[in-house]
Amino acid sequence: MGLLRRILTKEKIMLKCTTVGLLVSFTLLCLAPHASATVVSGTSSSYGESANLTLTPLIGLPFAIGSGPVPTAGGSAPAPYNDSDSVAQIISLPLSAFLQTVNASSNVDGAPGSRFADADATVLNLSALLGLLTAQVVQSTAAVSGDFGALSSVGTSNLEGLMVNGMPFIVASPAPNTPLFSAPGLTVTLNEQIHTGDGINSLGLAVNAIHIAFNNFAHGLGLINGDIIISHSEALLTAIPNNDNGQVPEPGTLLLLAGGMIGFMAMGRRRPLK
């Protein structure tokens, strides 16, 4: 009887330990950290200036007038990147500018959590439209950051010493999509901002510090069509949710759960006492 009592007591202790092990393993499995989402890609780019015009003369065939985009910086992540470039001077028929600097970067690495993509462009001593539009500094920035379901963007334009036909424009940081000038076939927009995406799965932002658009603009030589963009920056993030049902628990939690299950199975297979 003493031997039987000791065996039964041992069985009860093993059963209690196994039950406690299962409860602890299940609790740890439920509390195991799971990343809620992953930013899967990030892209950004910038350039100092781009002129893409077509002149249709009164007599003869249309021909292109343009320059750039130059200088350029950009990248696509993962893996993280940090790119930059600069040029000392640009002189072309549509415009001229001195030192231009561009940057683009992102820290998207494929791991869960908040990430960013951003870009900026700076142009110094700008002269465009045959000197009708000048500025000492023209700068744009675009940044997108966050995680799935909580993506946000910030865009800015900084215009110092901007003058139009000799008249100063005193607002250095204009509101998004500020109209500076409008005439038949010609518009000039400051701090132009173009948003894409829903802010949940993806979000993109493009910023043009100065956008000069021609649409059949009548010039003495004919009709002009196209665009001049000065200081362009853009950034984009895309993200996906991590499905809780498909998430993989931490290895340590799996080991604890496996240990508890093995113990439970061993108890179930133990032969009953005769």
C-alpha atoms as a PDB file:
ATOM      1  CA  MET A   1       0.000   0.000   0.000  1.00  0.00           C
ATOM      2  CA  GLY A   2       2.869   2.385   0.779  1.00  0.00           C
ATOM      3  CA  LEU A   3       4.379   1.792  -2.649  1.00  0.00           C
ATOM      4  CA  LEU A   4       1.011   2.322  -4.365  1.00  0.00           C
ATOM      5  CA  ARG A   5       0.430   5.546  -2.437  1.00  0.00           C
ATOM      6  CA  ARG A   6       3.844   6.884  -3.461  1.00  0.00           C
ATOM      7  CA  ILE A   7       3.181   6.052  -7.113  1.00  0.00           C
ATOM      8  CA  LEU A   8      -0.224   7.748  -7.056  1.00  0.00           C
ATOM      9  CA  THR A   9       1.241  10.807  -5.339  1.00  0.00           C
ATOM     10  CA  LYS A  10       3.964  10.998  -7.991  1.00  0.00           C
ATOM     11  CA  GLU A  11       1.361  10.768 -10.753  1.00  0.00           C
ATOM     12  CA  LYS A  12      -0.642  13.634  -9.222  1.00  0.00           C
ATOM     13  CA  ILE A  13       2.451  15.819  -8.909  1.00  0.00           C
ATOM     14  CA  MET A  14       3.414  15.184 -12.546  1.00  0.00           C
ATOM     15  CA  LEU A  15      -0.123  15.977 -13.678  1.00  0.00           C
ATOM     16  CA  LYS A  16      -0.140  19.259 -11.736  1.00  0.00           C
ATOM     17  CA  CYS A  17       3.283  20.243 -13.104  1.00  0.00           C
ATOM     18  CA  THR A  18       2.199  19.450 -16.645  1.00  0.00           C
ATOM     19  CA  THR A  19      -1.016  21.448 -16.242  1.00  0.00           C
ATOM     20  CA  VAL A  20       0.882  24.424 -14.824  1.00  0.00           C
ATOM     21  CA  GLY A  21       3.407  24.157 -17.657  1.00  0.00           C
ATOM     22  CA  LEU A  22       0.654  24.227 -20.254  1.00  0.00           C
ATOM     23  CA  LEU A  23      -1.001  27.245 -18.633  1.00  0.00           C
ATOM     24  CA  VAL A  24       2.293  29.138 -18.452  1.00  0.00           C
ATOM     25  CA  SER A  25       3.161  28.249 -22.047  1.00  0.00           C
ATOM     26  CA  PHE A  26      -0.258  29.329 -23.297  1.00  0.00           C
ATOM     27  CA  THR A  27      -0.049  32.610 -21.370  1.00  0.00           C
ATOM     28  CA  LEU A  28       3.404  33.368 -22.756  1.00  0.00           C
ATOM     29  CA  LEU A  29       2.221  32.509 -26.243  1.00  0.00           C
ATOM     30  CA  CYS A  30      -0.624  34.997 -25.931  1.00  0.00           C
ATOM     31  CA  LEU A  31       1.696  37.649 -24.546  1.00  0.00           C
ATOM     32  CA  ALA A  32       4.497  37.017 -27.035  1.00  0.00           C
ATOM     33  CA  PRO A  33       5.416  40.218 -28.870  1.00  0.00           C
ATOM     34  CA  HIS A  34       4.065  40.506 -32.387  1.00  0.00           C
ATOM     35  CA  ALA A  35       4.862  43.392 -34.698  1.00  0.00           C
ATOM     36  CA  SER A  36       1.618  44.877 -35.954  1.00  0.00           C
ATOM     37  CA  ALA A  37       2.883  45.777 -39.419  1.00  0.00           C
ATOM     38  CA  THR A  38       5.841  46.052 -41.735  1.00  0.00           C
ATOM     39  CA  VAL A  39       6.896  48.890 -44.024  1.00  0.00           C
ATOM     40  CA  VAL A  40       7.881  46.867 -47.072  1.00  0.00           C
ATOM     41  CA  SER A  41       9.315  49.553 -49.342  1.00  0.00           C
ATOM     42  CA  GLY A  42      10.509  53.127 -49.364  1.00  0.00           C
ATOM     43  CA  THR A  43      11.552  55.312 -52.281  1.00  0.00           C
ATOM     44  CA  SER A  44      12.600  58.936 -52.568  1.00  0.00           C
ATOM     45  CA  SER A  45      14.247  61.211 -55.105  1.00  0.00           C
ATOM     46  CA  SER A  46      15.035  64.839 -55.827  1.00  0.00           C
ATOM     47  CA  TYR A  47      16.465  67.096 -58.501  1.00  0.00           C
ATOM     48  CA  GLY A  48      17.456  70.717 -58.774  1.00  0.00           C
ATOM     49  CA  GLU A  49      15.811  71.737 -62.025  1.00  0.00           C
ATOM     50  CA  SER A  50      14.061  70.305 -65.041  1.00  0.00           C
ATOM     51  CA  ALA A  51      12.936  72.135 -68.175  1.00  0.00           C
ATOM     52  CA  ASN A  52      10.935  70.259 -70.792  1.00  0.00           C
ATOM     53  CA  LEU A  53       9.487  72.650 -73.357  1.00  0.00           C
ATOM     54  CA  THR A  54       8.330  72.445 -76.954  1.00  0.00           C
ATOM     55  CA  LEU A  55       8.254  75.509 -79.209  1.00  0.00           C
ATOM     56  CA  THR A  56       5.981  75.392 -82.226  1.00  0.00           C
ATOM     57  CA  PRO A  57       7.135  78.265 -84.458  1.00  0.00           C
ATOM     58  CA  LEU A  58       4.897  80.240 -86.738  1.00  0.00           C
ATOM     59  CA  ILE A  59       6.834  78.770 -89.637  1.00  0.00           C
ATOM     60  CA  GLY A  60       8.577  75.422 -89.494  1.00  0.00           C
ATOM     61  CA  LEU A  61       8.517  72.309 -87.333  1.00  0.00           C
ATOM     62  CA  PRO A  62       8.261  72.129 -83.518  1.00  0.00           C
ATOM     63  CA  PHE A  63      11.505  71.693 -81.601  1.00  0.00           C
ATOM     64  CA  ALA A  64      12.428  70.948 -77.994  1.00  0.00           C
ATOM     65  CA  ILE A  65      13.997  73.302 -75.482  1.00  0.00           C
ATOM     66  CA  GLY A  66      15.103  71.803 -72.222  1.00  0.00           C
ATOM     67  CA  SER A  67      17.613  70.817 -69.604  1.00  0.00           C
ATOM     68  CA  GLY A  68      17.867  68.367 -66.727  1.00  0.00           C
ATOM     69  CA  PRO A  69      16.679  66.938 -64.542  1.00  0.00           C
ATOM     70  CA  VAL A  70      19.962  67.787 -62.850  1.00  0.00           C
ATOM     71  CA  PRO A  71      21.443  67.118 -60.373  1.00  0.00           C
ATOM     72  CA  THR A  72      19.599  64.030 -59.176  1.00  0.00           C
ATOM     73  CA  ALA A  73      19.554  61.862 -56.046  1.00  0.00           C
ATOM     74  CA  GLY A  74      17.390  58.878 -55.228  1.00  0.00           C
ATOM     75  CA  GLY A  75      17.051  55.330 -54.036  1.00  0.00           C
ATOM     76  CA  SER A  76      14.749  52.428 -53.281  1.00  0.00           C
ATOM     77  CA  ALA A  77      14.662  50.447 -50.033  1.00  0.00           C
ATOM     78  CA  PRO A  78      15.193  47.915 -48.641  1.00  0.00           C
ATOM     79  CA  ALA A  79      18.151  48.138 -48.092  1.00  0.00           C
ATOM     80  CA  PRO A  80      18.535  51.560 -46.424  1.00  0.00           C
ATOM     81  CA  TYR A  81      20.238  54.218 -48.556  1.00  0.00           C
ATOM     82  CA  ASN A  82      21.553  57.771 -48.396  1.00  0.00           C
ATOM     83  CA  ASP A  83      22.275  59.429 -51.731  1.00  0.00           C
ATOM     84  CA  SER A  84      23.341  62.966 -52.626  1.00  0.00           C
ATOM     85  CA  ASP A  85      24.720  65.018 -55.511  1.00  0.00           C
ATOM     86  CA  SER A  86      25.491  68.610 -56.462  1.00  0.00           C
ATOM     87  CA  VAL A  87      26.481  70.762 -59.424  1.00  0.00           C
ATOM     88  CA  ALA A  88      28.227  74.109 -59.340  1.00  0.00           C
ATOM     89  CA  GLN A  89      26.397  75.862 -62.176  1.00  0.00           C
ATOM     90  CA  ILE A  90      23.635  75.346 -64.739  1.00  0.00           C
ATOM     91  CA  ILE A  91      23.152  77.694 -67.680  1.00  0.00           C
ATOM     92  CA  SER A  92      20.526  76.924 -70.315  1.00  0.00           C
ATOM     93  CA  LEU A  93      18.062  78.818 -72.465  1.00  0.00           C
ATOM     94  CA  PRO A  94      15.063  78.468 -70.070  1.00  0.00           C
ATOM     95  CA  LEU A  95      16.980  79.199 -66.857  1.00  0.00           C
ATOM     96  CA  SER A  96      20.268  79.496 -65.027  1.00  0.00           C
ATOM     97  CA  ALA A  97      21.305  78.657 -61.477  1.00  0.00           C
ATOM     98  CA  PHE A  98      24.414  78.250 -59.418  1.00  0.00           C
ATOM     99  CA  LEU A  99      25.102  75.712 -56.695  1.00  0.00           C
ATOM    100  CA  GLN A 100      22.425  73.004 -56.604  1.00  0.00           C
ATOM    101  CA  THR A 101      22.400  70.278 -53.930  1.00  0.00           C
ATOM    102  CA  VAL A 102      20.083  67.263 -53.669  1.00  0.00           C
ATOM    103  CA  ASN A 103      19.665  64.470 -51.096  1.00  0.00           C
ATOM    104  CA  ALA A 104      17.510  61.355 -50.683  1.00  0.00           C
ATOM    105  CA  SER A 105      17.439  58.709 -47.940  1.00  0.00           C
ATOM    106  CA  SER A 106      15.361  55.948 -46.320  1.00  0.00           C
ATOM    107  CA  ASN A 107      15.803  53.535 -43.404  1.00  0.00           C
ATOM    108  CA  VAL A 108      13.386  50.859 -44.660  1.00  0.00           C
ATOM    109  CA  ASP A 109      15.091  47.511 -43.986  1.00  0.00           C
ATOM    110  CA  GLY A 110      12.259  44.967 -44.180  1.00  0.00           C
ATOM    111  CA  ALA A 111      11.859  44.712 -40.406  1.00  0.00           C
ATOM    112  CA  PRO A 112       8.634  45.623 -38.561  1.00  0.00           C
ATOM    113  CA  GLY A 113       8.146  49.098 -37.131  1.00  0.00           C
ATOM    114  CA  SER A 114       7.983  52.734 -38.129  1.00  0.00           C
ATOM    115  CA  ARG A 115      10.239  53.808 -41.000  1.00  0.00           C
ATOM    116  CA  PHE A 116      10.831  56.889 -43.189  1.00  0.00           C
ATOM    117  CA  ALA A 117      11.746  58.049 -46.685  1.00  0.00           C
ATOM    118  CA  ASP A 118      12.703  61.646 -47.437  1.00  0.00           C
ATOM    119  CA  ALA A 119      14.342  63.941 -49.976  1.00  0.00           C
ATOM    120  CA  ASP A 120      15.336  67.577 -50.411  1.00  0.00           C
ATOM    121  CA  ALA A 121      16.672  69.886 -53.110  1.00  0.00           C
ATOM    122  CA  THR A 122      18.287  73.327 -52.890  1.00  0.00           C
ATOM    123  CA  VAL A 123      18.938  75.748 -55.765  1.00  0.00           C
ATOM    124  CA  LEU A 124      20.893  78.987 -55.346  1.00  0.00           C
ATOM    125  CA  ASN A 125      20.813  82.168 -57.450  1.00  0.00           C
ATOM    126  CA  LEU A 126      18.012  81.195 -59.808  1.00  0.00           C
ATOM    127  CA  SER A 127      17.123  83.154 -62.929  1.00  0.00           C
ATOM    128  CA  ALA A 128      14.265  81.906 -65.124  1.00  0.00           C
ATOM    129  CA  LEU A 129      12.039  83.194 -67.917  1.00  0.00           C
ATOM    130  CA  LEU A 130      14.777  85.469 -69.225  1.00  0.00           C
ATOM    131  CA  GLY A 131      15.243  87.044 -65.803  1.00  0.00           C
ATOM    132  CA  LEU A 132      11.565  87.710 -65.128  1.00  0.00           C
ATOM    133  CA  LEU A 133      11.667  85.282 -62.170  1.00  0.00           C
ATOM    134  CA  THR A 134      14.674  85.279 -59.837  1.00  0.00           C
ATOM    135  CA  ALA A 135      15.442  83.958 -56.349  1.00  0.00           C
ATOM    136  CA  GLN A 136      18.423  83.676 -54.037  1.00  0.00           C
ATOM    137  CA  VAL A 137      17.366  80.328 -52.507  1.00  0.00           C
ATOM    138  CA  VAL A 138      14.787  77.808 -53.723  1.00  0.00           C
ATOM    139  CA  GLN A 139      14.420  74.733 -51.522  1.00  0.00           C
ATOM    140  CA  SER A 140      11.941  71.849 -51.265  1.00  0.00           C
ATOM    141  CA  THR A 141      11.599  68.929 -48.852  1.00  0.00           C
ATOM    142  CA  ALA A 142       9.367  65.845 -48.835  1.00  0.00           C
ATOM    143  CA  ALA A 143       9.186  63.268 -46.042  1.00  0.00           C
ATOM    144  CA  VAL A 144       6.919  60.279 -45.413  1.00  0.00           C
ATOM    145  CA  SER A 145       7.093  58.266 -42.184  1.00  0.00           C
ATOM    146  CA  GLY A 146       5.119  55.863 -40.008  1.00  0.00           C
ATOM    147  CA  ASP A 147       3.744  52.338 -40.098  1.00  0.00           C
ATOM    148  CA  PHE A 148       0.767  50.530 -41.599  1.00  0.00           C
ATOM    149  CA  GLY A 149      -2.423  52.449 -40.863  1.00  0.00           C
ATOM    150  CA  ALA A 150      -0.550  55.498 -39.577  1.00  0.00           C
ATOM    151  CA  LEU A 151       1.501  56.918 -42.435  1.00  0.00           C
ATOM    152  CA  SER A 152       2.054  60.684 -42.503  1.00  0.00           C
ATOM    153  CA  SER A 153       3.807  63.164 -44.768  1.00  0.00           C
ATOM    154  CA  VAL A 154       5.360  66.609 -44.485  1.00  0.00           C
ATOM    155  CA  GLY A 155       6.338  68.846 -47.390  1.00  0.00           C
ATOM    156  CA  THR A 156       7.883  72.309 -47.383  1.00  0.00           C
ATOM    157  CA  SER A 157       9.186  74.947 -49.769  1.00  0.00           C
ATOM    158  CA  ASN A 158      11.530  77.754 -48.823  1.00  0.00           C
ATOM    159  CA  LEU A 159      11.877  80.717 -51.197  1.00  0.00           C
ATOM    160  CA  GLU A 160      14.299  83.475 -50.255  1.00  0.00           C
ATOM    161  CA  GLY A 161      14.694  86.646 -52.279  1.00  0.00           C
ATOM    162  CA  LEU A 162      12.022  85.671 -54.796  1.00  0.00           C
ATOM    163  CA  MET A 163      11.215  88.403 -57.309  1.00  0.00           C
ATOM    164  CA  VAL A 164       8.794  88.436 -60.240  1.00  0.00           C
ATOM    165  CA  ASN A 165       9.463  91.058 -62.892  1.00  0.00           C
ATOM    166  CA  GLY A 166      11.388  93.078 -60.310  1.00  0.00           C
ATOM    167  CA  MET A 167       8.666  92.867 -57.644  1.00  0.00           C
ATOM    168  CA  PRO A 168       9.515  91.015 -54.397  1.00  0.00           C
ATOM    169  CA  PHE A 169       7.441  88.113 -53.109  1.00  0.00           C
ATOM    170  CA  ILE A 170       7.693  88.517 -49.352  1.00  0.00           C
ATOM    171  CA  VAL A 171       6.334  85.119 -48.195  1.00  0.00           C
ATOM    172  CA  ALA A 172       9.358  82.836 -47.808  1.00  0.00           C
ATOM    173  CA  SER A 173       7.317  79.727 -46.940  1.00  0.00           C
ATOM    174  CA  PRO A 174       4.130  79.834 -49.037  1.00  0.00           C
ATOM    175  CA  ALA A 175       1.170  77.565 -48.356  1.00  0.00           C
ATOM    176  CA  PRO A 176       0.827  74.427 -50.470  1.00  0.00           C
ATOM    177  CA  ASN A 177      -0.206  75.095 -54.073  1.00  0.00           C
ATOM    178  CA  THR A 178       0.078  78.880 -53.893  1.00  0.00           C
ATOM    179  CA  PRO A 179      -0.653  80.525 -57.274  1.00  0.00           C
ATOM    180  CA  LEU A 180       1.972  83.164 -58.027  1.00  0.00           C
ATOM    181  CA  PHE A 181       1.013  84.138 -61.556  1.00  0.00           C
ATOM    182  CA  SER A 182      -1.643  83.195 -64.071  1.00  0.00           C
ATOM    183  CA  ALA A 183      -2.140  84.308 -67.661  1.00  0.00           C
ATOM    184  CA  PRO A 184      -3.602  82.673 -70.771  1.00  0.00           C
ATOM    185  CA  GLY A 185      -1.444  79.607 -71.336  1.00  0.00           C
ATOM    186  CA  LEU A 186       0.943  80.288 -68.426  1.00  0.00           C
ATOM    187  CA  THR A 187       0.748  79.528 -64.688  1.00  0.00           C
ATOM    188  CA  VAL A 188       3.357  79.727 -61.927  1.00  0.00           C
ATOM    189  CA  THR A 189       2.690  77.722 -58.751  1.00  0.00           C
ATOM    190  CA  LEU A 190       4.714  77.866 -55.536  1.00  0.00           C
ATOM    191  CA  ASN A 191       5.103  74.962 -53.110  1.00  0.00           C
ATOM    192  CA  GLU A 192       3.149  72.625 -55.352  1.00  0.00           C
ATOM    193  CA  GLN A 193       2.294  69.464 -53.389  1.00  0.00           C
ATOM    194  CA  ILE A 194       0.898  66.272 -54.890  1.00  0.00           C
ATOM    195  CA  HIS A 195      -0.286  63.496 -52.559  1.00  0.00           C
ATOM    196  CA  THR A 196      -0.835  59.844 -53.459  1.00  0.00           C
ATOM    197  CA  GLY A 197      -2.010  56.820 -51.460  1.00  0.00           C
ATOM    198  CA  ASP A 198      -4.519  56.440 -48.643  1.00  0.00           C
ATOM    199  CA  GLY A 199      -2.224  56.833 -45.634  1.00  0.00           C
ATOM    200  CA  ILE A 200      -2.955  53.240 -44.633  1.00  0.00           C
ATOM    201  CA  ASN A 201      -1.272  50.941 -47.148  1.00  0.00           C
ATOM    202  CA  SER A 202       0.785  53.618 -48.877  1.00  0.00           C
ATOM    203  CA  LEU A 203       1.505  57.312 -48.902  1.00  0.00           C
ATOM    204  CA  GLY A 204       3.465  59.455 -51.305  1.00  0.00           C
ATOM    205  CA  LEU A 205       4.266  63.150 -51.537  1.00  0.00           C
ATOM    206  CA  ALA A 206       5.868  65.165 -54.330  1.00  0.00           C
ATOM    207  CA  VAL A 207       6.860  68.801 -53.798  1.00  0.00           C
ATOM    208  CA  ASN A 208       7.823  71.332 -56.479  1.00  0.00           C
ATOM    209  CA  ALA A 209       9.068  74.576 -54.983  1.00  0.00           C
ATOM    210  CA  ILE A 210       8.353  76.380 -58.286  1.00  0.00           C
ATOM    211  CA  HIS A 211       6.327  74.937 -61.171  1.00  0.00           C
ATOM    212  CA  ILE A 212       6.016  76.975 -64.367  1.00  0.00           C
ATOM    213  CA  ALA A 213       3.471  75.421 -66.747  1.00  0.00           C
ATOM    214  CA  PHE A 214       2.960  76.395 -70.403  1.00  0.00           C
ATOM    215  CA  ASN A 215      -0.161  75.398 -72.331  1.00  0.00           C
ATOM    216  CA  ASN A 216      -0.171  76.823 -75.848  1.00  0.00           C
ATOM    217  CA  PHE A 217       1.377  79.993 -74.486  1.00  0.00           C
ATOM    218  CA  ALA A 218       1.606  82.520 -77.305  1.00  0.00           C
ATOM    219  CA  HIS A 219       5.111  83.892 -77.706  1.00  0.00           C
ATOM    220  CA  GLY A 220       6.494  86.101 -80.430  1.00  0.00           C
ATOM    221  CA  LEU A 221       8.169  83.047 -81.945  1.00  0.00           C
ATOM    222  CA  GLY A 222       5.123  80.772 -81.754  1.00  0.00           C
ATOM    223  CA  LEU A 223       3.420  78.552 -79.145  1.00  0.00           C
ATOM    224  CA  ILE A 224       5.169  77.121 -76.072  1.00  0.00           C
ATOM    225  CA  ASN A 225       4.093  73.953 -74.234  1.00  0.00           C
ATOM    226  CA  GLY A 226       5.684  72.108 -71.348  1.00  0.00           C
ATOM    227  CA  ASP A 227       6.967  72.596 -67.827  1.00  0.00           C
ATOM    228  CA  ILE A 228       9.829  74.103 -65.872  1.00  0.00           C
ATOM    229  CA  ILE A 229      10.238  72.683 -62.364  1.00  0.00           C
ATOM    230  CA  ILE A 230      12.705  74.110 -59.889  1.00  0.00           C
ATOM    231  CA  SER A 231      13.639  72.196 -56.724  1.00  0.00           C
ATOM    232  CA  HIS A 232      11.728  68.908 -56.780  1.00  0.00           C
ATOM    233  CA  SER A 233      11.501  66.385 -53.906  1.00  0.00           C
ATOM    234  CA  GLU A 234       9.380  63.267 -53.524  1.00  0.00           C
ATOM    235  CA  ALA A 235       9.007  60.321 -51.118  1.00  0.00           C
ATOM    236  CA  LEU A 236       6.845  57.201 -50.877  1.00  0.00           C
ATOM    237  CA  LEU A 237       6.249  54.403 -48.335  1.00  0.00           C
ATOM    238  CA  THR A 238       4.202  51.216 -48.686  1.00  0.00           C
ATOM    239  CA  ALA A 239       3.245  48.987 -45.736  1.00  0.00           C
ATOM    240  CA  ILE A 240       1.315  45.802 -44.998  1.00  0.00           C
ATOM    241  CA  PRO A 241      -0.328  44.475 -41.820  1.00  0.00           C
ATOM    242  CA  ASN A 242       0.962  41.348 -40.127  1.00  0.00           C
ATOM    243  CA  ASN A 243      -1.914  38.857 -39.798  1.00  0.00           C
ATOM    244  CA  ASP A 244      -2.205  37.853 -36.150  1.00  0.00           C
ATOM    245  CA  ASN A 245      -3.401  34.379 -37.181  1.00  0.00           C
ATOM    246  CA  GLY A 246      -0.380  33.941 -39.368  1.00  0.00           C
ATOM    247  CA  GLN A 247       2.236  35.414 -37.110  1.00  0.00           C
ATOM    248  CA  VAL A 248       5.059  33.239 -35.896  1.00  0.00           C
ATOM    249  CA  PRO A 249       5.518  33.303 -32.109  1.00  0.00           C
ATOM    250  CA  GLU A 250       8.868  33.887 -30.489  1.00  0.00           C
ATOM    251  CA  PRO A 251      11.105  30.736 -30.496  1.00  0.00           C
ATOM    252  CA  GLY A 252      11.265  30.655 -26.684  1.00  0.00           C
ATOM    253  CA  THR A 253       7.485  30.601 -26.421  1.00  0.00           C
ATOM    254  CA  LEU A 254       7.280  27.760 -28.902  1.00  0.00           C
ATOM    255  CA  LEU A 255       9.774  25.752 -26.857  1.00  0.00           C
ATOM    256  CA  LEU A 256       7.766  26.268 -23.672  1.00  0.00           C
ATOM    257  CA  LEU A 257       4.553  25.253 -25.377  1.00  0.00           C
ATOM    258  CA  ALA A 258       6.205  22.226 -26.945  1.00  0.00           C
ATOM    259  CA  GLY A 259       7.594  21.147 -23.583  1.00  0.00           C
ATOM    260  CA  GLY A 260       4.178  21.357 -21.957  1.00  0.00           C
ATOM    261  CA  MET A 261       2.561  19.408 -24.783  1.00  0.00           C
ATOM    262  CA  ILE A 262       5.193  16.671 -24.613  1.00  0.00           C
ATOM    263  CA  GLY A 263       4.608  16.305 -20.891  1.00  0.00           C
ATOM    264  CA  PHE A 264       0.862  16.137 -21.398  1.00  0.00           C
ATOM    265  CA  MET A 265       1.236  13.497 -24.101  1.00  0.00           C
ATOM    266  CA  ALA A 266       3.540  11.474 -21.878  1.00  0.00           C
ATOM    267  CA  MET A 267       0.946  11.498 -19.117  1.00  0.00           C
ATOM    268  CA  GLY A 268      -1.737  10.382 -21.531  1.00  0.00           C
ATOM    269  CA  ARG A 269       0.368   7.443 -22.718  1.00  0.00           C
ATOM    270  CA  ARG A 270       1.347   6.247 -19.221  1.00  0.00           C
ATOM    271  CA  ARG A 271      -0.275   2.894 -18.546  1.00  0.00           C
ATOM    272  CA  PRO A 272      -2.871   2.879 -15.769  1.00  0.00           C
ATOM    273  CA  LEU A 273      -2.064   1.024 -12.586  1.00  0.00           C
ATOM    274  CA  LYS A 274      -3.543  -2.408 -12.274  1.00  0.00           C
END
